[in-house]
Protein backbone atom coordinates (compact mmCIF):
# COMPACT_ATOMS: atom_id res chain seq x y z
CA MET A 1 99.67 93.29 99.30
CA LYS A 2 96.07 93.14 100.91
CA ALA A 3 94.37 91.65 104.27
CA SER A 4 90.88 91.41 105.10
CA VAL A 5 89.47 89.58 108.07
CA ASN A 6 86.16 87.50 107.15
CA ALA A 7 84.20 88.51 110.06
CA ASP A 8 81.85 85.54 110.04
CA GLU A 9 84.44 83.29 111.22
CA CYS A 10 86.50 85.74 113.71
CA THR A 11 86.57 84.32 117.25
CA GLY A 12 87.63 87.33 118.56
CA CYS A 13 91.07 85.74 120.08
CA GLU A 14 92.90 89.10 119.41
CA LEU A 15 95.91 86.91 118.45
CA CYS A 16 96.11 89.50 115.14
CA THR A 17 96.20 92.29 117.09
CA GLN A 18 98.84 91.31 119.27
CA THR A 19 101.10 89.48 116.44
CA CYS A 20 100.20 93.14 114.08
CA PRO A 21 99.14 96.15 115.91
CA GLU A 22 99.65 98.23 113.26
CA ILE A 23 97.29 96.19 110.51
CA PHE A 24 94.55 94.78 112.84
CA GLU A 25 92.60 96.32 115.46
CA MET A 26 89.28 94.89 117.28
CA ASP A 27 85.71 96.69 116.57
CA GLY A 28 83.69 94.96 119.42
CA ASP A 29 84.48 91.03 119.44
CA ILE A 30 85.81 90.96 115.91
CA ALA A 31 89.11 91.52 114.55
CA VAL A 32 89.25 93.86 111.44
CA CYS A 33 91.97 95.59 109.32
CA LYS A 34 92.90 99.50 110.41
CA ASP A 35 93.92 99.69 106.45
CA GLY A 36 93.34 96.93 103.64
CA GLU A 37 96.91 98.09 102.22
CA VAL A 38 99.66 96.15 104.05
CA SER A 39 103.19 98.05 103.54
CA ALA A 40 106.36 96.55 102.35
CA GLU A 41 107.89 96.46 105.63
CA LEU A 42 104.87 94.83 107.64
CA GLU A 43 104.15 91.98 104.62
CA GLU A 44 105.87 89.09 107.28
CA THR A 45 104.03 90.26 110.38
CA CYS A 46 100.84 90.30 108.40
CA ARG A 47 101.48 86.92 107.32
CA GLN A 48 102.49 85.19 110.37
CA ALA A 49 99.32 86.98 112.15
CA ALA A 50 97.23 85.37 109.30
CA GLU A 51 99.23 81.77 109.60
CA GLU A 52 98.85 82.12 113.29
CA CYS A 53 95.35 82.55 113.14
CA PRO A 54 93.20 79.38 114.88
CA VAL A 55 90.46 79.87 112.58
CA GLU A 56 92.05 81.08 109.46
CA CYS A 57 89.71 84.01 109.13
CA ILE A 58 92.62 86.49 107.67
CA ILE A 59 92.56 86.94 103.84
CA ILE A 60 95.90 88.08 102.38
CA ASP A 61 95.69 88.77 98.64
CA ASP A 62 99.28 89.44 97.03
């Protein structure tokens, strides 16, 4: 599974970094993925971060 953040839509709320800090981090005022590849043990938490994102800017590619 791969994850990415649409930087044009990210509002910098930091919810994803709180939910799944192993995958997401802040780069200034926007969230980014530390590594696009999501390990199997983090898939559920990463999906949760994407579902909870208030602007739906996290893209999950199975």
